[in-house]
Amino acid sequence: MKLRGLRQVRQRSDLSISQLAELTGLRRETITHLEHGKEDAQPYVMRRLAAALGASMADLVGVSVLDAPSPAESFTAAPEPSSAAS
């Protein structure tokens, strides 16, 4: 899974890549690849990053509740039957 929000969350936490690597036990190169979208994150990597950054998995992926369409937006009503006068 791509972690589009990883860099923003890391920077908000005021951590360097090296500091995050030390906190998580991950290699600097791995974190760099994840931030640049060159590598997909495994679930255990996402858990380590989220715990170290105090963030949710949604934050790391770069998705928020505000990004999701509202039920009204995703609802498409069926067209009303036309009343053809004979």
PDB file of N, CA and C in Angstrom:
ATOM      1  N   MET A   1       0.830  -1.173   0.000  1.00  0.00           N
ATOM      2  CA  MET A   1       0.000   0.000   0.000  1.00  0.00           C
ATOM      3  C   MET A   1       0.883   1.248   0.000  1.00  0.00           C
ATOM      4  N   LYS A   2       0.527   2.211  -0.827  1.00  0.00           N
ATOM      5  CA  LYS A   2       1.276   3.463  -0.915  1.00  0.00           C
ATOM      6  C   LYS A   2       0.975   4.337   0.301  1.00  0.00           C
ATOM      7  N   LEU A   3       2.012   4.963   0.836  1.00  0.00           N
ATOM      8  CA  LEU A   3       1.864   5.816   2.013  1.00  0.00           C
ATOM      9  C   LEU A   3       2.032   7.278   1.610  1.00  0.00           C
ATOM     10  N   ARG A   4       1.008   7.825   0.962  1.00  0.00           N
ATOM     11  CA  ARG A   4       1.068   9.197   0.456  1.00  0.00           C
ATOM     12  C   ARG A   4       1.206  10.231   1.567  1.00  0.00           C
ATOM     13  N   GLY A   5       0.747   9.925   2.776  1.00  0.00           N
ATOM     14  CA  GLY A   5       0.782  10.884   3.861  1.00  0.00           C
ATOM     15  C   GLY A   5       1.974  10.750   4.790  1.00  0.00           C
ATOM     16  N   LEU A   6       2.845   9.773   4.553  1.00  0.00           N
ATOM     17  CA  LEU A   6       3.949   9.502   5.472  1.00  0.00           C
ATOM     18  C   LEU A   6       4.859  10.716   5.664  1.00  0.00           C
ATOM     19  N   ARG A   7       5.280  11.323   4.596  1.00  0.00           N
ATOM     20  CA  ARG A   7       6.207  12.458   4.712  1.00  0.00           C
ATOM     21  C   ARG A   7       5.572  13.596   5.512  1.00  0.00           C
ATOM     22  N   GLN A   8       4.310  13.918   5.232  1.00  0.00           N
ATOM     23  CA  GLN A   8       3.646  15.009   5.941  1.00  0.00           C
ATOM     24  C   GLN A   8       3.546  14.714   7.438  1.00  0.00           C
ATOM     25  N   VAL A   9       3.189  13.479   7.773  1.00  0.00           N
ATOM     26  CA  VAL A   9       3.061  13.106   9.183  1.00  0.00           C
ATOM     27  C   VAL A   9       4.430  13.153   9.857  1.00  0.00           C
ATOM     28  N   ARG A  10       5.452  12.664   9.181  1.00  0.00           N
ATOM     29  CA  ARG A  10       6.810  12.685   9.748  1.00  0.00           C
ATOM     30  C   ARG A  10       7.275  14.113   9.983  1.00  0.00           C
ATOM     31  N   GLN A  11       7.041  14.974   9.008  1.00  0.00           N
ATOM     32  CA  GLN A  11       7.468  16.361   9.140  1.00  0.00           C
ATOM     33  C   GLN A  11       6.685  17.091  10.235  1.00  0.00           C
ATOM     34  N   ARG A  12       5.395  16.794  10.362  1.00  0.00           N
ATOM     35  CA  ARG A  12       4.605  17.387  11.452  1.00  0.00           C
ATOM     36  C   ARG A  12       5.135  16.954  12.806  1.00  0.00           C
ATOM     37  N   SER A  13       5.668  15.738  12.866  1.00  0.00           N
ATOM     38  CA  SER A  13       6.238  15.218  14.117  1.00  0.00           C
ATOM     39  C   SER A  13       7.645  15.746  14.354  1.00  0.00           C
ATOM     40  N   ASP A  14       8.155  16.530  13.404  1.00  0.00           N
ATOM     41  CA  ASP A  14       9.487  17.130  13.496  1.00  0.00           C
ATOM     42  C   ASP A  14      10.582  16.070  13.644  1.00  0.00           C
ATOM     43  N   LEU A  15      10.454  15.004  12.839  1.00  0.00           N
ATOM     44  CA  LEU A  15      11.445  13.923  12.850  1.00  0.00           C
ATOM     45  C   LEU A  15      12.144  13.843  11.507  1.00  0.00           C
ATOM     46  N   SER A  16      13.427  13.540  11.551  1.00  0.00           N
ATOM     47  CA  SER A  16      14.158  13.269  10.319  1.00  0.00           C
ATOM     48  C   SER A  16      13.912  11.812   9.933  1.00  0.00           C
ATOM     49  N   ILE A  17      14.289  11.467   8.730  1.00  0.00           N
ATOM     50  CA  ILE A  17      14.173  10.066   8.302  1.00  0.00           C
ATOM     51  C   ILE A  17      15.032   9.188   9.198  1.00  0.00           C
ATOM     52  N   SER A  18      16.214   9.645   9.548  1.00  0.00           N
ATOM     53  CA  SER A  18      17.100   8.861  10.423  1.00  0.00           C
ATOM     54  C   SER A  18      16.487   8.642  11.792  1.00  0.00           C
ATOM     55  N   GLN A  19      15.861   9.669  12.341  1.00  0.00           N
ATOM     56  CA  GLN A  19      15.221   9.529  13.656  1.00  0.00           C
ATOM     57  C   GLN A  19      14.056   8.552  13.598  1.00  0.00           C
ATOM     58  N   LEU A  20      13.261   8.638  12.531  1.00  0.00           N
ATOM     59  CA  LEU A  20      12.138   7.720  12.380  1.00  0.00           C
ATOM     60  C   LEU A  20      12.642   6.289  12.195  1.00  0.00           C
ATOM     61  N   ALA A  21      13.715   6.131  11.455  1.00  0.00           N
ATOM     62  CA  ALA A  21      14.301   4.799  11.261  1.00  0.00           C
ATOM     63  C   ALA A  21      14.734   4.211  12.604  1.00  0.00           C
ATOM     64  N   GLU A  22      15.348   5.035  13.433  1.00  0.00           N
ATOM     65  CA  GLU A  22      15.795   4.562  14.740  1.00  0.00           C
ATOM     66  C   GLU A  22      14.614   4.182  15.627  1.00  0.00           C
ATOM     67  N   LEU A  23      13.552   4.981  15.592  1.00  0.00           N
ATOM     68  CA  LEU A  23      12.374   4.700  16.416  1.00  0.00           C
ATOM     69  C   LEU A  23      11.643   3.428  15.989  1.00  0.00           C
ATOM     70  N   THR A  24      11.640   3.161  14.701  1.00  0.00           N
ATOM     71  CA  THR A  24      10.865   2.034  14.178  1.00  0.00           C
ATOM     72  C   THR A  24      11.676   0.766  13.956  1.00  0.00           C
ATOM     73  N   GLY A  25      12.993   0.906  13.890  1.00  0.00           N
ATOM     74  CA  GLY A  25      13.819  -0.253  13.560  1.00  0.00           C
ATOM     75  C   GLY A  25      13.852  -0.544  12.068  1.00  0.00           C
ATOM     76  N   LEU A  26      13.338   0.390  11.263  1.00  0.00           N
ATOM     77  CA  LEU A  26      13.361   0.229   9.812  1.00  0.00           C
ATOM     78  C   LEU A  26      14.601   0.909   9.247  1.00  0.00           C
ATOM     79  N   ARG A  27      15.009   0.505   8.061  1.00  0.00           N
ATOM     80  CA  ARG A  27      16.157   1.137   7.405  1.00  0.00           C
ATOM     81  C   ARG A  27      15.749   2.491   6.839  1.00  0.00           C
ATOM     82  N   ARG A  28      16.698   3.432   6.819  1.00  0.00           N
ATOM     83  CA  ARG A  28      16.459   4.755   6.234  1.00  0.00           C
ATOM     84  C   ARG A  28      15.968   4.614   4.796  1.00  0.00           C
ATOM     85  N   GLU A  29      16.598   3.711   4.058  1.00  0.00           N
ATOM     86  CA  GLU A  29      16.251   3.521   2.646  1.00  0.00           C
ATOM     87  C   GLU A  29      14.803   3.063   2.498  1.00  0.00           C
ATOM     88  N   THR A  30      14.367   2.225   3.413  1.00  0.00           N
ATOM     89  CA  THR A  30      12.978   1.746   3.358  1.00  0.00           C
ATOM     90  C   THR A  30      12.021   2.906   3.531  1.00  0.00           C
ATOM     91  N   ILE A  31      12.284   3.758   4.524  1.00  0.00           N
ATOM     92  CA  ILE A  31      11.410   4.907   4.769  1.00  0.00           C
ATOM     93  C   ILE A  31      11.436   5.853   3.573  1.00  0.00           C
ATOM     94  N   THR A  32      12.603   6.089   3.016  1.00  0.00           N
ATOM     95  CA  THR A  32      12.711   6.950   1.833  1.00  0.00           C
ATOM     96  C   THR A  32      11.910   6.380   0.674  1.00  0.00           C
ATOM     97  N   HIS A  33      12.033   5.084   0.435  1.00  0.00           N
ATOM     98  CA  HIS A  33      11.287   4.442  -0.651  1.00  0.00           C
ATOM     99  C   HIS A  33       9.782   4.535  -0.410  1.00  0.00           C
ATOM    100  N   LEU A  34       9.359   4.370   0.839  1.00  0.00           N
ATOM    101  CA  LEU A  34       7.934   4.469   1.159  1.00  0.00           C
ATOM    102  C   LEU A  34       7.426   5.886   0.905  1.00  0.00           C
ATOM    103  N   GLU A  35       8.198   6.877   1.309  1.00  0.00           N
ATOM    104  CA  GLU A  35       7.790   8.271   1.107  1.00  0.00           C
ATOM    105  C   GLU A  35       7.700   8.635  -0.370  1.00  0.00           C
ATOM    106  N   HIS A  36       8.550   8.040  -1.187  1.00  0.00           N
ATOM    107  CA  HIS A  36       8.574   8.355  -2.626  1.00  0.00           C
ATOM    108  C   HIS A  36       7.686   7.418  -3.443  1.00  0.00           C
ATOM    109  N   GLY A  37       6.997   6.498  -2.781  1.00  0.00           N
ATOM    110  CA  GLY A  37       6.093   5.592  -3.479  1.00  0.00           C
ATOM    111  C   GLY A  37       6.796   4.514  -4.282  1.00  0.00           C
ATOM    112  N   LYS A  38       8.072   4.266  -3.984  1.00  0.00           N
ATOM    113  CA  LYS A  38       8.828   3.244  -4.715  1.00  0.00           C
ATOM    114  C   LYS A  38       8.644   1.862  -4.108  1.00  0.00           C
ATOM    115  N   GLU A  39       8.019   1.798  -2.955  1.00  0.00           N
ATOM    116  CA  GLU A  39       7.850   0.535  -2.239  1.00  0.00           C
ATOM    117  C   GLU A  39       6.479   0.545  -1.580  1.00  0.00           C
ATOM    118  N   ASP A  40       5.826  -0.609  -1.576  1.00  0.00           N
ATOM    119  CA  ASP A  40       4.557  -0.747  -0.864  1.00  0.00           C
ATOM    120  C   ASP A  40       4.833  -1.168   0.568  1.00  0.00           C
ATOM    121  N   ALA A  41       4.064  -0.625   1.499  1.00  0.00           N
ATOM    122  CA  ALA A  41       4.266  -0.934   2.919  1.00  0.00           C
ATOM    123  C   ALA A  41       3.526  -2.205   3.309  1.00  0.00           C
ATOM    124  N   GLN A  42       4.212  -3.063   4.016  1.00  0.00           N
ATOM    125  CA  GLN A  42       3.598  -4.250   4.590  1.00  0.00           C
ATOM    126  C   GLN A  42       2.839  -3.828   5.850  1.00  0.00           C
ATOM    127  N   PRO A  43       1.832  -4.584   6.265  1.00  0.00           N
ATOM    128  CA  PRO A  43       1.050  -4.200   7.455  1.00  0.00           C
ATOM    129  C   PRO A  43       1.896  -3.966   8.707  1.00  0.00           C
ATOM    130  N   TYR A  44       2.908  -4.807   8.959  1.00  0.00           N
ATOM    131  CA  TYR A  44       3.719  -4.624  10.162  1.00  0.00           C
ATOM    132  C   TYR A  44       4.515  -3.322  10.093  1.00  0.00           C
ATOM    133  N   VAL A  45       4.921  -2.908   8.885  1.00  0.00           N
ATOM    134  CA  VAL A  45       5.651  -1.648   8.701  1.00  0.00           C
ATOM    135  C   VAL A  45       4.714  -0.482   8.992  1.00  0.00           C
ATOM    136  N   MET A  46       3.489  -0.566   8.500  1.00  0.00           N
ATOM    137  CA  MET A  46       2.514   0.489   8.753  1.00  0.00           C
ATOM    138  C   MET A  46       2.234   0.625  10.248  1.00  0.00           C
ATOM    139  N   ARG A  47       2.120  -0.502  10.943  1.00  0.00           N
ATOM    140  CA  ARG A  47       1.874  -0.451  12.394  1.00  0.00           C
ATOM    141  C   ARG A  47       3.035   0.205  13.120  1.00  0.00           C
ATOM    142  N   ARG A  48       4.258  -0.146  12.748  1.00  0.00           N
ATOM    143  CA  ARG A  48       5.444   0.462  13.386  1.00  0.00           C
ATOM    144  C   ARG A  48       5.488   1.964  13.154  1.00  0.00           C
ATOM    145  N   LEU A  49       5.248   2.379  11.925  1.00  0.00           N
ATOM    146  CA  LEU A  49       5.278   3.798  11.593  1.00  0.00           C
ATOM    147  C   LEU A  49       4.175   4.560  12.324  1.00  0.00           C
ATOM    148  N   ALA A  50       2.969   4.010  12.309  1.00  0.00           N
ATOM    149  CA  ALA A  50       1.846   4.681  12.977  1.00  0.00           C
ATOM    150  C   ALA A  50       2.110   4.827  14.473  1.00  0.00           C
ATOM    151  N   ALA A  51       2.641   3.786  15.099  1.00  0.00           N
ATOM    152  CA  ALA A  51       2.931   3.840  16.533  1.00  0.00           C
ATOM    153  C   ALA A  51       4.014   4.870  16.836  1.00  0.00           C
ATOM    154  N   ALA A  52       5.063   4.895  16.050  1.00  0.00           N
ATOM    155  CA  ALA A  52       6.177   5.822  16.286  1.00  0.00           C
ATOM    156  C   ALA A  52       5.760   7.274  16.064  1.00  0.00           C
ATOM    157  N   LEU A  53       4.849   7.491  15.122  1.00  0.00           N
ATOM    158  CA  LEU A  53       4.440   8.850  14.779  1.00  0.00           C
ATOM    159  C   LEU A  53       3.181   9.299  15.520  1.00  0.00           C
ATOM    160  N   GLY A  54       2.551   8.386  16.248  1.00  0.00           N
ATOM    161  CA  GLY A  54       1.305   8.721  16.926  1.00  0.00           C
ATOM    162  C   GLY A  54       0.217   9.082  15.929  1.00  0.00           C
ATOM    163  N   ALA A  55       0.193   8.353  14.827  1.00  0.00           N
ATOM    164  CA  ALA A  55      -0.739   8.643  13.734  1.00  0.00           C
ATOM    165  C   ALA A  55      -1.598   7.419  13.445  1.00  0.00           C
ATOM    166  N   SER A  56      -2.656   7.635  12.706  1.00  0.00           N
ATOM    167  CA  SER A  56      -3.492   6.514  12.275  1.00  0.00           C
ATOM    168  C   SER A  56      -2.968   5.989  10.942  1.00  0.00           C
ATOM    169  N   MET A  57      -3.404   4.810  10.591  1.00  0.00           N
ATOM    170  CA  MET A  57      -3.027   4.248   9.293  1.00  0.00           C
ATOM    171  C   MET A  57      -3.598   5.122   8.172  1.00  0.00           C
ATOM    172  N   ALA A  58      -4.797   5.670   8.392  1.00  0.00           N
ATOM    173  CA  ALA A  58      -5.396   6.551   7.381  1.00  0.00           C
ATOM    174  C   ALA A  58      -4.526   7.784   7.159  1.00  0.00           C
ATOM    175  N   ASP A  59      -3.929   8.316   8.242  1.00  0.00           N
ATOM    176  CA  ASP A  59      -3.022   9.458   8.095  1.00  0.00           C
ATOM    177  C   ASP A  59      -1.841   9.094   7.206  1.00  0.00           C
ATOM    178  N   LEU A  60      -1.279   7.912   7.426  1.00  0.00           N
ATOM    179  CA  LEU A  60      -0.110   7.485   6.655  1.00  0.00           C
ATOM    180  C   LEU A  60      -0.450   7.282   5.186  1.00  0.00           C
ATOM    181  N   VAL A  61      -1.630   6.746   4.941  1.00  0.00           N
ATOM    182  CA  VAL A  61      -2.050   6.497   3.559  1.00  0.00           C
ATOM    183  C   VAL A  61      -2.432   7.809   2.878  1.00  0.00           C
ATOM    184  N   GLY A  62      -2.759   8.810   3.682  1.00  0.00           N
ATOM    185  CA  GLY A  62      -3.122  10.104   3.117  1.00  0.00           C
ATOM    186  C   GLY A  62      -4.592  10.224   2.814  1.00  0.00           C
ATOM    187  N   VAL A  63      -5.404   9.477   3.551  1.00  0.00           N
ATOM    188  CA  VAL A  63      -6.845   9.506   3.354  1.00  0.00           C
ATOM    189  C   VAL A  63      -7.480  10.020   4.638  1.00  0.00           C
ATOM    190  N   SER A  64      -8.462  10.870   4.487  1.00  0.00           N
ATOM    191  CA  SER A  64      -9.185  11.334   5.670  1.00  0.00           C
ATOM    192  C   SER A  64     -10.667  11.109   5.460  1.00  0.00           C
ATOM    193  N   VAL A  65     -11.407  11.228   6.527  1.00  0.00           N
ATOM    194  CA  VAL A  65     -12.856  11.067   6.438  1.00  0.00           C
ATOM    195  C   VAL A  65     -13.426  12.131   5.508  1.00  0.00           C
ATOM    196  N   LEU A  66     -12.780  13.288   5.466  1.00  0.00           N
ATOM    197  CA  LEU A  66     -13.266  14.363   4.615  1.00  0.00           C
ATOM    198  C   LEU A  66     -13.110  14.043   3.134  1.00  0.00           C
ATOM    199  N   ASP A  67     -12.194  13.124   2.800  1.00  0.00           N
ATOM    200  CA  ASP A  67     -11.985  12.750   1.402  1.00  0.00           C
ATOM    201  C   ASP A  67     -13.076  11.829   0.869  1.00  0.00           C
ATOM    202  N   ALA A  68     -13.755  11.134   1.780  1.00  0.00           N
ATOM    203  CA  ALA A  68     -14.764  10.163   1.365  1.00  0.00           C
ATOM    204  C   ALA A  68     -16.027  10.892   0.932  1.00  0.00           C
ATOM    205  N   PRO A  69     -16.696  10.400  -0.100  1.00  0.00           N
ATOM    206  CA  PRO A  69     -17.940  11.049  -0.522  1.00  0.00           C
ATOM    207  C   PRO A  69     -19.017  10.866   0.537  1.00  0.00           C
ATOM    208  N   SER A  70     -19.859  11.851   0.680  1.00  0.00           N
ATOM    209  CA  SER A  70     -20.958  11.732   1.634  1.00  0.00           C
ATOM    210  C   SER A  70     -21.977  10.752   1.076  1.00  0.00           C
ATOM    211  N   PRO A  71     -22.816  10.180   1.943  1.00  0.00           N
ATOM    212  CA  PRO A  71     -23.826   9.246   1.431  1.00  0.00           C
ATOM    213  C   PRO A  71     -24.706   9.895   0.371  1.00  0.00           C
ATOM    214  N   ALA A  72     -25.020  11.175   0.524  1.00  0.00           N
ATOM    215  CA  ALA A  72     -25.864  11.854  -0.459  1.00  0.00           C
ATOM    216  C   ALA A  72     -25.167  11.958  -1.811  1.00  0.00           C
ATOM    217  N   GLU A  73     -23.837  12.165  -1.795  1.00  0.00           N
ATOM    218  CA  GLU A  73     -23.098  12.279  -3.046  1.00  0.00           C
ATOM    219  C   GLU A  73     -22.960  10.943  -3.765  1.00  0.00           C
ATOM    220  N   SER A  74     -22.879   9.867  -2.983  1.00  0.00           N
ATOM    221  CA  SER A  74     -22.678   8.569  -3.617  1.00  0.00           C
ATOM    222  C   SER A  74     -23.995   7.904  -4.005  1.00  0.00           C
ATOM    223  N   PHE A  75     -25.118   8.488  -3.593  1.00  0.00           N
ATOM    224  CA  PHE A  75     -26.419   7.941  -3.906  1.00  0.00           C
ATOM    225  C   PHE A  75     -26.877   8.463  -5.257  1.00  0.00           C
ATOM    226  N   THR A  76     -27.252   7.558  -6.102  1.00  0.00           N
ATOM    227  CA  THR A  76     -27.813   7.976  -7.383  1.00  0.00           C
ATOM    228  C   THR A  76     -29.228   7.426  -7.466  1.00  0.00           C
ATOM    229  N   ALA A  77     -30.159   8.302  -7.587  1.00  0.00           N
ATOM    230  CA  ALA A  77     -31.564   7.896  -7.626  1.00  0.00           C
ATOM    231  C   ALA A  77     -31.898   7.316  -8.991  1.00  0.00           C
ATOM    232  N   ALA A  78     -32.787   6.383  -8.963  1.00  0.00           N
ATOM    233  CA  ALA A  78     -33.258   5.810 -10.222  1.00  0.00           C
ATOM    234  C   ALA A  78     -34.123   6.843 -10.923  1.00  0.00           C
ATOM    235  N   PRO A  79     -34.043   6.910 -12.226  1.00  0.00           N
ATOM    236  CA  PRO A  79     -34.858   7.886 -12.929  1.00  0.00           C
ATOM    237  C   PRO A  79     -36.351   7.584 -12.742  1.00  0.00           C
ATOM    238  N   GLU A  80     -37.110   8.642 -12.611  1.00  0.00           N
ATOM    239  CA  GLU A  80     -38.554   8.448 -12.460  1.00  0.00           C
ATOM    240  C   GLU A  80     -39.124   8.004 -13.787  1.00  0.00           C
ATOM    241  N   PRO A  81     -40.113   7.110 -13.728  1.00  0.00           N
ATOM    242  CA  PRO A  81     -40.724   6.667 -15.001  1.00  0.00           C
ATOM    243  C   PRO A  81     -41.427   7.842 -15.667  1.00  0.00           C
ATOM    244  N   SER A  82     -41.272   7.928 -16.951  1.00  0.00           N
ATOM    245  CA  SER A  82     -41.926   9.028 -17.664  1.00  0.00           C
ATOM    246  C   SER A  82     -43.399   8.709 -17.857  1.00  0.00           C
ATOM    247  N   SER A  83     -44.183   9.722 -17.701  1.00  0.00           N
ATOM    248  CA  SER A  83     -45.635   9.511 -17.869  1.00  0.00           C
ATOM    249  C   SER A  83     -46.005   9.977 -19.278  1.00  0.00           C
ATOM    250  N   ALA A  84     -46.021   9.051 -20.169  1.00  0.00           N
ATOM    251  CA  ALA A  84     -46.347   9.375 -21.554  1.00  0.00           C
ATOM    252  C   ALA A  84     -47.850   9.371 -21.716  1.00  0.00           C
ATOM    253  N   ALA A  85     -48.390  10.466 -22.148  1.00  0.00           N
ATOM    254  CA  ALA A  85     -49.845  10.560 -22.371  1.00  0.00           C
ATOM    255  C   ALA A  85     -50.171   9.923 -23.710  1.00  0.00           C
ATOM    256  N   SER A  86     -51.177   9.050 -23.703  1.00  0.00           N
ATOM    257  CA  SER A  86     -51.561   8.370 -24.939  1.00  0.00           C
ATOM    258  C   SER A  86     -52.687   9.043 -25.619  1.00  0.00           C
TER     259      SER A  86
END
